[in-house]
Amino acid sequence: VYYQALEKNTTMDFETEINEIRKLSESAYQKALPYAKKLRAQVAKFSPQLLKVYEEV
């Protein structure tokens, strides 16, 4: 994510750079969320005990 922000603009000040990294991180999180929910549902079907341990972590 940091390198993606760096490639976009090499003359960013620190604050702008941090905000750009934050936006890219949030975007990656939003893209991964459906997969995480699907995986959680599969784990719940496979083993409720395993899901309980996973949620405690």
N, C-alpha and C. Protein backbone atom coordinates (compact mmCIF):
# COMPACT_ATOMS: atom_id res chain seq x y z
N VAL A 1 0.84 -1.19 0.00
CA VAL A 1 0.00 0.00 0.00
C VAL A 1 0.88 1.24 0.00
N TYR A 2 1.91 1.23 0.81
CA TYR A 2 2.82 2.39 0.87
C TYR A 2 3.44 2.66 -0.49
N TYR A 3 3.88 1.61 -1.16
CA TYR A 3 4.54 1.80 -2.46
C TYR A 3 3.56 2.28 -3.53
N GLN A 4 2.28 1.84 -3.43
CA GLN A 4 1.27 2.35 -4.36
C GLN A 4 1.11 3.85 -4.19
N ALA A 5 1.08 4.30 -2.96
CA ALA A 5 0.95 5.73 -2.68
C ALA A 5 2.19 6.47 -3.18
N LEU A 6 3.33 5.88 -2.99
CA LEU A 6 4.58 6.51 -3.41
C LEU A 6 4.65 6.65 -4.94
N GLU A 7 4.18 5.63 -5.65
CA GLU A 7 4.21 5.67 -7.11
C GLU A 7 3.29 6.77 -7.66
N LYS A 8 2.18 7.01 -6.97
CA LYS A 8 1.22 8.02 -7.44
C LYS A 8 1.85 9.40 -7.49
N ASN A 9 2.56 9.75 -6.46
CA ASN A 9 3.10 11.10 -6.39
C ASN A 9 4.34 11.11 -5.49
N THR A 10 5.47 11.43 -6.06
CA THR A 10 6.70 11.42 -5.27
C THR A 10 6.94 12.74 -4.54
N THR A 11 6.07 13.74 -4.76
CA THR A 11 6.28 15.03 -4.12
C THR A 11 5.23 15.31 -3.03
N MET A 12 4.60 14.26 -2.51
CA MET A 12 3.59 14.45 -1.46
C MET A 12 4.26 14.87 -0.15
N ASP A 13 3.60 15.74 0.59
CA ASP A 13 4.08 16.02 1.94
C ASP A 13 3.63 14.87 2.85
N PHE A 14 4.13 14.86 4.05
CA PHE A 14 3.89 13.73 4.96
C PHE A 14 2.40 13.51 5.22
N GLU A 15 1.66 14.58 5.51
CA GLU A 15 0.23 14.46 5.84
C GLU A 15 -0.56 13.89 4.66
N THR A 16 -0.29 14.37 3.48
CA THR A 16 -0.97 13.88 2.28
C THR A 16 -0.63 12.41 2.04
N GLU A 17 0.62 12.07 2.26
CA GLU A 17 1.07 10.69 2.08
C GLU A 17 0.34 9.75 3.04
N ILE A 18 0.24 10.16 4.30
CA ILE A 18 -0.46 9.34 5.30
C ILE A 18 -1.93 9.16 4.91
N ASN A 19 -2.58 10.23 4.47
CA ASN A 19 -3.99 10.14 4.06
C ASN A 19 -4.16 9.22 2.86
N GLU A 20 -3.23 9.28 1.92
CA GLU A 20 -3.30 8.41 0.73
C GLU A 20 -3.15 6.95 1.13
N ILE A 21 -2.22 6.67 2.02
CA ILE A 21 -2.02 5.30 2.50
C ILE A 21 -3.27 4.82 3.24
N ARG A 22 -3.87 5.69 4.04
CA ARG A 22 -5.08 5.33 4.77
C ARG A 22 -6.21 4.97 3.80
N LYS A 23 -6.37 5.78 2.73
CA LYS A 23 -7.42 5.51 1.74
C LYS A 23 -7.19 4.16 1.05
N LEU A 24 -5.95 3.90 0.67
CA LEU A 24 -5.64 2.63 0.01
C LEU A 24 -5.86 1.45 0.95
N SER A 25 -5.52 1.61 2.22
CA SER A 25 -5.72 0.55 3.21
C SER A 25 -7.20 0.26 3.41
N GLU A 26 -8.01 1.33 3.52
CA GLU A 26 -9.45 1.15 3.69
C GLU A 26 -10.06 0.47 2.47
N SER A 27 -9.57 0.82 1.29
CA SER A 27 -10.05 0.21 0.05
C SER A 27 -9.74 -1.29 0.05
N ALA A 28 -8.53 -1.64 0.43
CA ALA A 28 -8.14 -3.05 0.49
C ALA A 28 -8.99 -3.80 1.51
N TYR A 29 -9.26 -3.16 2.65
CA TYR A 29 -10.09 -3.78 3.68
C TYR A 29 -11.50 -4.04 3.16
N GLN A 30 -12.09 -3.05 2.48
CA GLN A 30 -13.44 -3.20 1.95
C GLN A 30 -13.51 -4.30 0.90
N LYS A 31 -12.46 -4.44 0.10
CA LYS A 31 -12.43 -5.50 -0.92
C LYS A 31 -12.32 -6.88 -0.27
N ALA A 32 -11.62 -6.98 0.84
CA ALA A 32 -11.40 -8.27 1.50
C ALA A 32 -12.58 -8.69 2.37
N LEU A 33 -13.40 -7.74 2.78
CA LEU A 33 -14.50 -8.03 3.71
C LEU A 33 -15.44 -9.14 3.25
N PRO A 34 -15.93 -9.14 2.01
CA PRO A 34 -16.83 -10.22 1.59
C PRO A 34 -16.18 -11.61 1.68
N TYR A 35 -14.89 -11.69 1.37
CA TYR A 35 -14.19 -12.97 1.46
C TYR A 35 -14.07 -13.41 2.92
N ALA A 36 -13.82 -12.47 3.81
CA ALA A 36 -13.71 -12.80 5.23
C ALA A 36 -15.05 -13.29 5.77
N LYS A 37 -16.14 -12.66 5.35
CA LYS A 37 -17.47 -13.09 5.79
C LYS A 37 -17.79 -14.49 5.27
N LYS A 38 -17.42 -14.75 4.01
CA LYS A 38 -17.68 -16.07 3.42
C LYS A 38 -16.87 -17.14 4.15
N LEU A 39 -15.61 -16.83 4.45
CA LEU A 39 -14.75 -17.76 5.17
C LEU A 39 -15.30 -18.04 6.56
N ARG A 40 -15.77 -17.00 7.23
CA ARG A 40 -16.35 -17.15 8.57
C ARG A 40 -17.56 -18.08 8.52
N ALA A 41 -18.41 -17.92 7.51
CA ALA A 41 -19.59 -18.77 7.37
C ALA A 41 -19.19 -20.23 7.13
N GLN A 42 -18.15 -20.44 6.33
CA GLN A 42 -17.68 -21.80 6.07
C GLN A 42 -17.11 -22.43 7.33
N VAL A 43 -16.37 -21.65 8.11
CA VAL A 43 -15.81 -22.16 9.37
C VAL A 43 -16.94 -22.50 10.33
N ALA A 44 -17.98 -21.66 10.39
CA ALA A 44 -19.11 -21.91 11.28
C ALA A 44 -19.81 -23.22 10.92
N LYS A 45 -19.95 -23.50 9.63
CA LYS A 45 -20.56 -24.77 9.20
C LYS A 45 -19.67 -25.95 9.55
N PHE A 46 -18.39 -25.79 9.30
CA PHE A 46 -17.44 -26.88 9.48
C PHE A 46 -17.24 -27.21 10.96
N SER A 47 -17.04 -26.17 11.77
CA SER A 47 -16.74 -26.41 13.19
C SER A 47 -17.10 -25.18 14.03
N PRO A 48 -18.25 -25.23 14.70
CA PRO A 48 -18.63 -24.11 15.58
C PRO A 48 -17.59 -23.84 16.68
N GLN A 49 -16.93 -24.90 17.14
CA GLN A 49 -15.91 -24.72 18.18
C GLN A 49 -14.72 -23.92 17.65
N LEU A 50 -14.33 -24.21 16.43
CA LEU A 50 -13.22 -23.49 15.81
C LEU A 50 -13.58 -22.02 15.63
N LEU A 51 -14.82 -21.75 15.25
CA LEU A 51 -15.28 -20.38 15.08
C LEU A 51 -15.22 -19.63 16.42
N LYS A 52 -15.60 -20.30 17.49
CA LYS A 52 -15.57 -19.68 18.81
C LYS A 52 -14.14 -19.28 19.18
N VAL A 53 -13.19 -20.15 18.92
CA VAL A 53 -11.77 -19.86 19.19
C VAL A 53 -11.31 -18.70 18.32
N TYR A 54 -11.71 -18.72 17.05
CA TYR A 54 -11.33 -17.65 16.12
C TYR A 54 -11.84 -16.30 16.61
N GLU A 55 -13.09 -16.25 17.09
CA GLU A 55 -13.67 -14.98 17.54
C GLU A 55 -13.04 -14.49 18.84
N GLU A 56 -12.52 -15.40 19.64
CA GLU A 56 -11.85 -15.00 20.88
C GLU A 56 -10.52 -14.31 20.60
N VAL A 57 -9.89 -14.68 19.51
CA VAL A 57 -8.61 -14.07 19.13
C VAL A 57 -8.91 -12.73 18.56
